[in-house]
Amino acid sequence: MSKFIQNLNDYIEHYNIKNSFIVKLTGIEKNKFSRLLNGKQDIQYEDMEKIANSLGKEISYFMQENLMLTQPQYEESTSIAFYMGAVDEAKKELANQIFDFLEHIDAVLGIQKKIDQDALEVLDYEF
């Protein structure tokens, strides 16, 4: 098994990353990815590049002799549910757009609930 695969397996285990997450980002077939991780299939440079990029790393990171894995440094006020690789401006913008979208949905649902309540109150009167 190559050093890249050994370190990748350690990295995935340490950060509790789901294989399906990497498969989705890289476009590598699920069965092929499993064979790569188990050392049953040799990994090609193109796959190394896809996998490393999906995790926000360079290929050389996974080729180190002694991979140093530390706990991720998160700020208290900005906890996240999973690790997406290195944060860049595009990811920040996407996250902001998602939060805006969710706020709009919440506002619309709140208005709908208010309309439904008002409609029930009007129906309480007999005509």
N, C-alpha and C. Protein backbone atom coordinates (compact mmCIF):
# COMPACT_ATOMS: atom_id res chain seq x y z
N MET A 1 0.85 -1.17 0.00
CA MET A 1 0.00 0.00 0.00
C MET A 1 0.90 1.24 0.00
N SER A 2 0.56 2.20 -0.83
CA SER A 2 1.40 3.39 -0.98
C SER A 2 1.30 4.30 0.25
N LYS A 3 2.28 5.14 0.41
CA LYS A 3 2.31 6.11 1.52
C LYS A 3 1.10 7.05 1.42
N PHE A 4 0.74 7.42 0.18
CA PHE A 4 -0.42 8.29 -0.03
C PHE A 4 -1.67 7.65 0.57
N ILE A 5 -1.92 6.39 0.25
CA ILE A 5 -3.11 5.69 0.73
C ILE A 5 -3.07 5.49 2.24
N GLN A 6 -1.91 5.14 2.79
CA GLN A 6 -1.79 4.98 4.24
C GLN A 6 -2.15 6.28 4.95
N ASN A 7 -1.56 7.38 4.47
CA ASN A 7 -1.83 8.67 5.09
C ASN A 7 -3.28 9.12 4.87
N LEU A 8 -3.81 8.83 3.70
CA LEU A 8 -5.20 9.18 3.42
C LEU A 8 -6.14 8.44 4.37
N ASN A 9 -5.91 7.16 4.56
CA ASN A 9 -6.72 6.37 5.49
C ASN A 9 -6.63 6.93 6.91
N ASP A 10 -5.42 7.29 7.34
CA ASP A 10 -5.24 7.88 8.67
C ASP A 10 -6.00 9.20 8.78
N TYR A 11 -5.91 10.02 7.73
CA TYR A 11 -6.56 11.33 7.70
C TYR A 11 -8.08 11.16 7.79
N ILE A 12 -8.62 10.26 6.97
CA ILE A 12 -10.07 10.01 6.95
C ILE A 12 -10.55 9.53 8.31
N GLU A 13 -9.81 8.62 8.90
CA GLU A 13 -10.19 8.08 10.21
C GLU A 13 -10.09 9.15 11.29
N HIS A 14 -9.01 9.93 11.26
CA HIS A 14 -8.80 10.96 12.29
C HIS A 14 -9.90 12.01 12.28
N TYR A 15 -10.28 12.47 11.09
CA TYR A 15 -11.28 13.53 10.97
C TYR A 15 -12.69 13.00 10.76
N ASN A 16 -12.87 11.68 10.83
CA ASN A 16 -14.19 11.05 10.66
C ASN A 16 -14.89 11.50 9.38
N ILE A 17 -14.16 11.47 8.29
CA ILE A 17 -14.71 11.87 7.00
C ILE A 17 -15.35 10.65 6.34
N LYS A 18 -16.55 10.83 5.85
CA LYS A 18 -17.26 9.74 5.17
C LYS A 18 -16.69 9.55 3.77
N ASN A 19 -16.55 8.29 3.38
CA ASN A 19 -16.08 7.99 2.02
C ASN A 19 -17.02 8.58 0.98
N SER A 20 -18.32 8.56 1.27
CA SER A 20 -19.30 9.09 0.31
C SER A 20 -19.08 10.58 0.06
N PHE A 21 -18.59 11.30 1.07
CA PHE A 21 -18.30 12.72 0.91
C PHE A 21 -17.18 12.93 -0.11
N ILE A 22 -16.13 12.14 0.00
CA ILE A 22 -15.00 12.26 -0.93
C ILE A 22 -15.41 11.79 -2.32
N VAL A 23 -16.17 10.70 -2.38
CA VAL A 23 -16.64 10.18 -3.67
C VAL A 23 -17.46 11.24 -4.40
N LYS A 24 -18.33 11.91 -3.66
CA LYS A 24 -19.18 12.95 -4.27
C LYS A 24 -18.34 14.11 -4.81
N LEU A 25 -17.36 14.53 -4.05
CA LEU A 25 -16.53 15.67 -4.47
C LEU A 25 -15.59 15.33 -5.63
N THR A 26 -15.10 14.10 -5.65
CA THR A 26 -14.10 13.73 -6.65
C THR A 26 -14.70 13.16 -7.92
N GLY A 27 -15.88 12.56 -7.81
CA GLY A 27 -16.46 11.89 -8.97
C GLY A 27 -15.91 10.50 -9.19
N ILE A 28 -15.08 10.04 -8.27
CA ILE A 28 -14.53 8.68 -8.36
C ILE A 28 -15.64 7.70 -7.96
N GLU A 29 -15.77 6.62 -8.70
CA GLU A 29 -16.78 5.60 -8.41
C GLU A 29 -16.57 5.05 -7.00
N LYS A 30 -17.67 4.80 -6.29
CA LYS A 30 -17.61 4.33 -4.90
C LYS A 30 -16.81 3.04 -4.75
N ASN A 31 -17.06 2.08 -5.64
CA ASN A 31 -16.35 0.79 -5.55
C ASN A 31 -14.85 0.97 -5.81
N LYS A 32 -14.53 1.83 -6.77
CA LYS A 32 -13.12 2.09 -7.07
C LYS A 32 -12.44 2.75 -5.87
N PHE A 33 -13.12 3.71 -5.26
CA PHE A 33 -12.55 4.40 -4.11
C PHE A 33 -12.28 3.41 -2.97
N SER A 34 -13.20 2.49 -2.77
CA SER A 34 -13.01 1.46 -1.75
C SER A 34 -11.80 0.58 -2.06
N ARG A 35 -11.65 0.20 -3.33
CA ARG A 35 -10.49 -0.61 -3.72
C ARG A 35 -9.19 0.16 -3.52
N LEU A 36 -9.21 1.46 -3.80
CA LEU A 36 -8.02 2.29 -3.60
C LEU A 36 -7.64 2.34 -2.12
N LEU A 37 -8.64 2.57 -1.26
CA LEU A 37 -8.37 2.67 0.18
C LEU A 37 -7.89 1.36 0.77
N ASN A 38 -8.35 0.25 0.22
CA ASN A 38 -7.94 -1.07 0.72
C ASN A 38 -6.65 -1.56 0.09
N GLY A 39 -6.09 -0.80 -0.86
CA GLY A 39 -4.85 -1.19 -1.51
C GLY A 39 -5.02 -2.28 -2.54
N LYS A 40 -6.25 -2.58 -2.92
CA LYS A 40 -6.50 -3.62 -3.92
C LYS A 40 -6.29 -3.11 -5.34
N GLN A 41 -6.29 -1.79 -5.50
CA GLN A 41 -6.05 -1.17 -6.80
C GLN A 41 -5.03 -0.07 -6.62
N ASP A 42 -4.06 -0.02 -7.52
CA ASP A 42 -3.05 1.04 -7.46
C ASP A 42 -3.70 2.37 -7.81
N ILE A 43 -3.27 3.40 -7.11
CA ILE A 43 -3.83 4.73 -7.34
C ILE A 43 -3.02 5.45 -8.42
N GLN A 44 -3.74 6.15 -9.28
CA GLN A 44 -3.12 6.94 -10.35
C GLN A 44 -2.97 8.39 -9.87
N TYR A 45 -2.07 9.10 -10.52
CA TYR A 45 -1.79 10.49 -10.15
C TYR A 45 -3.06 11.34 -10.20
N GLU A 46 -3.88 11.14 -11.24
CA GLU A 46 -5.10 11.93 -11.41
C GLU A 46 -6.04 11.75 -10.22
N ASP A 47 -6.15 10.50 -9.74
CA ASP A 47 -7.00 10.24 -8.58
C ASP A 47 -6.42 10.85 -7.31
N MET A 48 -5.09 10.79 -7.17
CA MET A 48 -4.44 11.44 -6.02
C MET A 48 -4.78 12.93 -6.00
N GLU A 49 -4.69 13.53 -7.17
CA GLU A 49 -4.94 14.96 -7.28
C GLU A 49 -6.39 15.29 -6.92
N LYS A 50 -7.34 14.52 -7.44
CA LYS A 50 -8.76 14.75 -7.13
C LYS A 50 -9.03 14.61 -5.64
N ILE A 51 -8.49 13.56 -5.05
CA ILE A 51 -8.73 13.30 -3.63
C ILE A 51 -8.10 14.39 -2.76
N ALA A 52 -6.86 14.72 -3.03
CA ALA A 52 -6.18 15.76 -2.24
C ALA A 52 -6.91 17.09 -2.37
N ASN A 53 -7.29 17.46 -3.58
CA ASN A 53 -8.00 18.73 -3.79
C ASN A 53 -9.35 18.74 -3.08
N SER A 54 -10.05 17.60 -3.08
CA SER A 54 -11.35 17.54 -2.42
C SER A 54 -11.23 17.78 -0.91
N LEU A 55 -10.08 17.48 -0.36
CA LEU A 55 -9.84 17.67 1.07
C LEU A 55 -9.09 18.96 1.38
N GLY A 56 -8.89 19.78 0.35
CA GLY A 56 -8.22 21.06 0.55
C GLY A 56 -6.73 20.94 0.80
N LYS A 57 -6.12 19.88 0.28
CA LYS A 57 -4.69 19.62 0.50
C LYS A 57 -3.99 19.43 -0.83
N GLU A 58 -2.66 19.44 -0.77
CA GLU A 58 -1.82 19.11 -1.91
C GLU A 58 -1.46 17.62 -1.83
N ILE A 59 -1.10 17.03 -2.95
CA ILE A 59 -0.69 15.63 -2.96
C ILE A 59 0.47 15.41 -2.00
N SER A 60 1.39 16.36 -1.97
CA SER A 60 2.58 16.22 -1.12
C SER A 60 2.22 16.07 0.36
N TYR A 61 1.08 16.63 0.77
CA TYR A 61 0.64 16.50 2.17
C TYR A 61 0.46 15.04 2.54
N PHE A 62 -0.12 14.26 1.63
CA PHE A 62 -0.38 12.85 1.90
C PHE A 62 0.82 11.95 1.60
N MET A 63 1.89 12.53 1.08
CA MET A 63 3.10 11.76 0.78
C MET A 63 4.15 11.89 1.89
N GLN A 64 3.85 12.67 2.94
CA GLN A 64 4.80 12.87 4.03
C GLN A 64 5.12 11.54 4.72
N GLU A 65 6.33 11.44 5.19
CA GLU A 65 6.74 10.23 5.91
C GLU A 65 6.00 10.11 7.24
N ASN A 66 5.89 11.23 7.96
CA ASN A 66 5.19 11.25 9.25
C ASN A 66 4.09 12.29 9.19
N LEU A 67 2.90 11.85 8.89
CA LEU A 67 1.75 12.75 8.79
C LEU A 67 1.32 13.18 10.19
N MET A 68 1.36 14.48 10.44
CA MET A 68 0.98 15.00 11.75
C MET A 68 -0.48 15.43 11.70
N LEU A 69 -1.32 14.73 12.45
CA LEU A 69 -2.74 15.03 12.49
C LEU A 69 -3.06 15.70 13.81
N THR A 70 -3.67 16.86 13.74
CA THR A 70 -4.05 17.60 14.94
C THR A 70 -5.55 17.83 14.92
N GLN A 71 -6.07 18.24 16.05
CA GLN A 71 -7.48 18.57 16.10
C GLN A 71 -7.71 19.87 15.33
N PRO A 72 -8.81 19.95 14.58
CA PRO A 72 -9.08 21.18 13.84
C PRO A 72 -9.30 22.35 14.79
N GLN A 73 -8.83 23.51 14.41
CA GLN A 73 -8.97 24.70 15.23
C GLN A 73 -10.21 25.48 14.79
N TYR A 74 -11.28 25.37 15.56
CA TYR A 74 -12.52 26.09 15.25
C TYR A 74 -12.70 27.20 16.27
N GLU A 75 -13.21 28.31 15.82
CA GLU A 75 -13.54 29.38 16.75
C GLU A 75 -14.83 29.00 17.46
N GLU A 76 -14.96 29.41 18.71
CA GLU A 76 -16.14 29.06 19.49
C GLU A 76 -17.42 29.52 18.82
N SER A 77 -17.42 30.71 18.23
CA SER A 77 -18.64 31.28 17.69
C SER A 77 -19.02 30.71 16.33
N THR A 78 -18.14 29.95 15.70
CA THR A 78 -18.45 29.44 14.37
C THR A 78 -18.20 27.94 14.29
N SER A 79 -19.00 27.17 15.02
CA SER A 79 -18.87 25.72 14.96
C SER A 79 -19.46 25.22 13.65
N ILE A 80 -18.87 24.16 13.13
CA ILE A 80 -19.39 23.57 11.90
C ILE A 80 -19.62 22.09 12.13
N ALA A 81 -20.46 21.49 11.28
CA ALA A 81 -20.85 20.10 11.46
C ALA A 81 -19.89 19.14 10.79
N PHE A 82 -19.12 19.59 9.83
CA PHE A 82 -18.19 18.72 9.13
C PHE A 82 -17.08 19.55 8.53
N TYR A 83 -16.01 18.89 8.15
CA TYR A 83 -14.85 19.56 7.59
C TYR A 83 -14.95 19.54 6.07
N MET A 84 -14.85 20.71 5.43
CA MET A 84 -14.99 20.81 3.98
C MET A 84 -13.66 21.10 3.30
N GLY A 85 -12.59 21.01 3.99
CA GLY A 85 -11.32 21.41 3.39
C GLY A 85 -11.05 22.86 3.76
N ALA A 86 -10.07 23.43 3.12
CA ALA A 86 -9.69 24.81 3.41
C ALA A 86 -10.80 25.77 2.97
N VAL A 87 -11.11 26.72 3.83
CA VAL A 87 -12.15 27.70 3.51
C VAL A 87 -11.55 28.76 2.61
N ASP A 88 -12.23 29.01 1.51
CA ASP A 88 -11.81 30.09 0.63
C ASP A 88 -13.00 31.03 0.44
N GLU A 89 -12.82 32.09 -0.32
CA GLU A 89 -13.88 33.09 -0.50
C GLU A 89 -15.13 32.50 -1.14
N ALA A 90 -14.95 31.59 -2.09
CA ALA A 90 -16.11 30.99 -2.77
C ALA A 90 -16.96 30.20 -1.78
N LYS A 91 -16.31 29.45 -0.87
CA LYS A 91 -17.05 28.67 0.12
C LYS A 91 -17.73 29.58 1.14
N LYS A 92 -17.07 30.68 1.52
CA LYS A 92 -17.69 31.63 2.43
C LYS A 92 -18.93 32.25 1.79
N GLU A 93 -18.81 32.62 0.52
CA GLU A 93 -19.94 33.21 -0.20
C GLU A 93 -21.09 32.23 -0.30
N LEU A 94 -20.80 30.98 -0.61
CA LEU A 94 -21.83 29.95 -0.70
C LEU A 94 -22.52 29.77 0.65
N ALA A 95 -21.76 29.71 1.73
CA ALA A 95 -22.35 29.55 3.06
C ALA A 95 -23.25 30.74 3.39
N ASN A 96 -22.81 31.96 3.07
CA ASN A 96 -23.64 33.14 3.32
C ASN A 96 -24.93 33.10 2.52
N GLN A 97 -24.85 32.65 1.27
CA GLN A 97 -26.05 32.55 0.43
C GLN A 97 -27.01 31.51 0.99
N ILE A 98 -26.48 30.40 1.49
CA ILE A 98 -27.34 29.37 2.07
C ILE A 98 -28.04 29.90 3.32
N PHE A 99 -27.31 30.61 4.19
CA PHE A 99 -27.94 31.17 5.38
C PHE A 99 -29.01 32.19 5.01
N ASP A 100 -28.75 33.04 4.02
CA ASP A 100 -29.76 33.99 3.55
C ASP A 100 -30.99 33.27 3.04
N PHE A 101 -30.78 32.21 2.26
CA PHE A 101 -31.88 31.42 1.72
C PHE A 101 -32.72 30.82 2.84
N LEU A 102 -32.07 30.26 3.85
CA LEU A 102 -32.79 29.66 4.98
C LEU A 102 -33.56 30.72 5.77
N GLU A 103 -33.01 31.90 5.91
CA GLU A 103 -33.72 32.98 6.59
C GLU A 103 -34.97 33.38 5.82
N HIS A 104 -34.87 33.42 4.48
CA HIS A 104 -36.03 33.75 3.65
C HIS A 104 -37.11 32.68 3.77
N ILE A 105 -36.70 31.43 3.76
CA ILE A 105 -37.67 30.33 3.92
C ILE A 105 -38.37 30.44 5.27
N ASP A 106 -37.60 30.73 6.32
CA ASP A 106 -38.17 30.87 7.65
C ASP A 106 -39.18 32.02 7.68
N ALA A 107 -38.84 33.13 7.02
CA ALA A 107 -39.75 34.27 6.98
C ALA A 107 -41.04 33.93 6.23
N VAL A 108 -40.92 33.25 5.10
CA VAL A 108 -42.09 32.87 4.32
C VAL A 108 -42.98 31.91 5.11
N LEU A 109 -42.37 30.93 5.75
CA LEU A 109 -43.15 29.97 6.54
C LEU A 109 -43.82 30.66 7.72
N GLY A 110 -43.14 31.63 8.31
CA GLY A 110 -43.72 32.38 9.42
C GLY A 110 -44.92 33.19 8.97
N ILE A 111 -44.84 33.80 7.79
CA ILE A 111 -45.96 34.56 7.24
C ILE A 111 -47.12 33.63 6.94
N GLN A 112 -46.84 32.46 6.35
CA GLN A 112 -47.89 31.50 6.03
C GLN A 112 -48.61 31.06 7.30
N LYS A 113 -47.87 30.83 8.37
CA LYS A 113 -48.47 30.42 9.64
C LYS A 113 -49.37 31.52 10.18
N LYS A 114 -48.92 32.77 10.07
CA LYS A 114 -49.71 33.91 10.54
C LYS A 114 -50.98 34.04 9.71
N ILE A 115 -50.90 33.86 8.40
CA ILE A 115 -52.08 33.93 7.52
C ILE A 115 -53.06 32.84 7.91
N ASP A 116 -52.58 31.64 8.14
CA ASP A 116 -53.45 30.53 8.53
C ASP A 116 -54.14 30.81 9.86
N GLN A 117 -53.43 31.39 10.81
CA GLN A 117 -54.02 31.73 12.11
C GLN A 117 -55.10 32.78 11.95
N ASP A 118 -54.81 33.84 11.17
CA ASP A 118 -55.77 34.91 10.94
C ASP A 118 -57.01 34.37 10.23
N ALA A 119 -56.82 33.45 9.29
CA ALA A 119 -57.95 32.87 8.57
C ALA A 119 -58.84 32.09 9.52
N LEU A 120 -58.27 31.39 10.47
CA LEU A 120 -59.06 30.64 11.45
C LEU A 120 -59.85 31.59 12.34
N GLU A 121 -59.27 32.72 12.71
CA GLU A 121 -59.95 33.68 13.55
C GLU A 121 -61.13 34.29 12.82
N VAL A 122 -61.00 34.57 11.53
CA VAL A 122 -62.09 35.14 10.74
C VAL A 122 -63.22 34.12 10.62
N LEU A 123 -62.90 32.86 10.47
CA LEU A 123 -63.92 31.81 10.33
C LEU A 123 -64.69 31.59 11.63
N ASP A 124 -64.19 32.08 12.74
CA ASP A 124 -64.88 31.95 14.02
C ASP A 124 -66.16 32.79 14.06
N TYR A 125 -66.22 33.83 13.23
CA TYR A 125 -67.41 34.69 13.18
C TYR A 125 -68.45 34.06 12.28
N GLU A 126 -69.72 34.14 12.73
CA GLU A 126 -70.79 33.60 11.90
C GLU A 126 -71.35 34.72 11.04
N PHE A 127 -71.64 34.41 9.79
CA PHE A 127 -72.20 35.40 8.87
C PHE A 127 -73.62 35.06 8.56
